[in-house]
């Protein structure tokens, strides 16, 4: 009886994984790629003289 429960649970998990596919096999269109990140310029750091 205990082995039957384990087999049922394993079959349930395997069925859940099989049914929740990522869309690879369903023929859905792939999502568009990400845009490239913008190129930022460095901010010049001011020189601070603390000896004053």
N, C-alpha and C. Protein backbone atom coordinates (compact mmCIF):
# COMPACT_ATOMS: atom_id res chain seq x y z
N UNK A 1 0.82 -1.20 0.00
CA UNK A 1 0.00 0.00 0.00
C UNK A 1 0.86 1.26 0.00
N UNK A 2 1.96 1.20 0.79
CA UNK A 2 2.83 2.37 0.85
C UNK A 2 3.54 2.59 -0.50
N UNK A 3 3.91 1.48 -1.15
CA UNK A 3 4.57 1.60 -2.44
C UNK A 3 3.62 2.19 -3.48
N UNK A 4 2.35 1.84 -3.38
CA UNK A 4 1.37 2.40 -4.31
C UNK A 4 1.24 3.91 -4.14
N UNK A 5 1.25 4.36 -2.90
CA UNK A 5 1.18 5.82 -2.65
C UNK A 5 2.39 6.52 -3.25
N UNK A 6 3.56 5.93 -3.07
CA UNK A 6 4.78 6.54 -3.60
C UNK A 6 4.72 6.59 -5.13
N UNK A 7 4.26 5.52 -5.74
CA UNK A 7 4.14 5.51 -7.20
C UNK A 7 3.13 6.53 -7.70
N UNK A 8 2.01 6.68 -6.98
CA UNK A 8 1.01 7.67 -7.37
C UNK A 8 1.57 9.08 -7.24
N UNK A 9 2.31 9.34 -6.17
CA UNK A 9 2.90 10.68 -6.00
C UNK A 9 3.94 10.95 -7.09
N UNK A 10 4.76 9.96 -7.41
CA UNK A 10 5.75 10.16 -8.46
C UNK A 10 5.09 10.38 -9.82
N UNK A 11 4.02 9.65 -10.09
CA UNK A 11 3.30 9.84 -11.36
C UNK A 11 2.66 11.22 -11.41
N UNK A 12 2.15 11.69 -10.28
CA UNK A 12 1.55 13.02 -10.24
C UNK A 12 2.60 14.10 -10.50
N UNK A 13 3.75 13.96 -9.88
CA UNK A 13 4.83 14.94 -10.08
C UNK A 13 5.31 14.90 -11.54
N UNK A 14 5.48 13.71 -12.08
CA UNK A 14 5.94 13.60 -13.47
C UNK A 14 4.91 14.18 -14.43
N UNK A 15 3.62 13.95 -14.16
CA UNK A 15 2.58 14.53 -15.00
C UNK A 15 2.55 16.04 -14.91
N UNK A 16 2.75 16.58 -13.71
CA UNK A 16 2.78 18.03 -13.54
C UNK A 16 3.93 18.67 -14.28
N UNK A 17 5.09 18.02 -14.24
CA UNK A 17 6.25 18.56 -14.95
C UNK A 17 6.02 18.49 -16.45
N UNK A 18 5.43 17.41 -16.92
CA UNK A 18 5.19 17.26 -18.35
C UNK A 18 4.16 18.27 -18.85
N UNK A 19 3.15 18.56 -18.05
CA UNK A 19 2.09 19.48 -18.48
C UNK A 19 2.50 20.94 -18.39
N UNK A 20 3.46 21.25 -17.54
CA UNK A 20 3.87 22.65 -17.37
C UNK A 20 5.12 22.92 -18.20
N UNK A 21 5.04 22.65 -19.48
CA UNK A 21 6.21 22.86 -20.34
C UNK A 21 6.43 24.36 -20.52
N UNK A 22 7.60 24.70 -20.98
CA UNK A 22 7.98 26.10 -21.12
C UNK A 22 7.46 26.71 -22.42
N UNK A 23 6.73 25.98 -23.19
CA UNK A 23 6.25 26.50 -24.47
C UNK A 23 7.15 26.13 -25.62
N UNK A 24 8.19 25.35 -25.36
CA UNK A 24 9.13 24.97 -26.42
C UNK A 24 8.46 24.07 -27.45
N UNK A 25 7.60 23.21 -27.00
CA UNK A 25 7.00 22.22 -27.90
C UNK A 25 5.61 22.63 -28.37
N UNK A 26 5.12 23.76 -27.95
CA UNK A 26 3.75 24.14 -28.28
C UNK A 26 3.66 24.96 -29.54
N UNK A 27 4.78 25.36 -30.11
CA UNK A 27 4.76 26.15 -31.34
C UNK A 27 4.55 27.63 -31.09
N UNK A 28 4.61 28.05 -29.83
CA UNK A 28 4.43 29.48 -29.54
C UNK A 28 5.66 30.24 -30.01
N UNK A 29 5.43 31.51 -30.32
CA UNK A 29 6.53 32.36 -30.76
C UNK A 29 7.42 32.70 -29.57
N UNK A 30 8.70 32.74 -29.82
CA UNK A 30 9.65 33.08 -28.76
C UNK A 30 9.51 34.56 -28.40
N UNK A 31 9.76 34.92 -27.16
CA UNK A 31 9.69 36.33 -26.79
C UNK A 31 10.83 37.10 -27.45
N UNK A 32 10.63 38.40 -27.69
CA UNK A 32 11.69 39.18 -28.33
C UNK A 32 12.90 39.31 -27.40
N UNK A 33 14.04 39.52 -27.99
CA UNK A 33 15.27 39.68 -27.21
C UNK A 33 15.28 41.02 -26.48
N UNK A 34 16.16 41.12 -25.53
CA UNK A 34 16.27 42.35 -24.75
C UNK A 34 17.03 43.41 -25.54
N UNK A 35 16.68 44.66 -25.30
CA UNK A 35 17.40 45.76 -25.94
C UNK A 35 18.77 45.89 -25.29
N UNK A 36 19.75 46.42 -26.01
CA UNK A 36 21.05 46.63 -25.38
C UNK A 36 20.96 47.77 -24.36
N UNK A 37 21.77 47.66 -23.33
CA UNK A 37 21.79 48.69 -22.29
C UNK A 37 22.37 49.98 -22.84
N UNK A 38 21.90 51.13 -22.35
CA UNK A 38 22.47 52.39 -22.82
C UNK A 38 23.91 52.54 -22.33
N UNK A 39 24.70 53.24 -23.12
CA UNK A 39 26.09 53.49 -22.76
C UNK A 39 26.17 54.84 -22.06
N UNK A 40 26.54 54.83 -20.80
CA UNK A 40 26.62 56.06 -20.01
C UNK A 40 28.04 56.59 -20.02
N UNK A 41 28.14 57.90 -19.92
CA UNK A 41 29.45 58.52 -19.81
C UNK A 41 29.83 58.61 -18.35
N UNK A 42 31.12 58.51 -18.06
CA UNK A 42 31.59 58.65 -16.69
C UNK A 42 31.45 60.08 -16.22
N UNK A 43 31.09 60.26 -14.97
CA UNK A 43 30.99 61.60 -14.37
C UNK A 43 32.36 61.96 -13.82
N UNK A 44 32.88 63.11 -14.23
CA UNK A 44 34.20 63.49 -13.70
C UNK A 44 34.09 63.79 -12.20
N UNK A 45 35.01 63.23 -11.46
CA UNK A 45 34.99 63.46 -10.00
C UNK A 45 35.84 64.69 -9.70
N UNK A 46 35.27 65.62 -8.95
CA UNK A 46 36.04 66.82 -8.63
C UNK A 46 37.12 66.48 -7.59
N UNK A 47 38.25 67.18 -7.73
CA UNK A 47 39.31 66.98 -6.75
C UNK A 47 39.07 67.93 -5.60
N UNK A 48 39.08 67.40 -4.41
CA UNK A 48 38.81 68.20 -3.21
C UNK A 48 40.10 68.28 -2.42
N UNK A 49 40.47 69.50 -2.10
CA UNK A 49 41.70 69.73 -1.30
C UNK A 49 41.28 70.04 0.13
N UNK A 50 41.52 69.11 1.03
CA UNK A 50 41.12 69.28 2.43
C UNK A 50 42.19 69.99 3.26
N UNK A 51 43.28 70.40 2.64
CA UNK A 51 44.38 71.05 3.36
C UNK A 51 44.10 72.52 3.62
N UNK A 52 43.01 73.05 3.16
CA UNK A 52 42.73 74.48 3.32
C UNK A 52 42.41 74.84 4.74
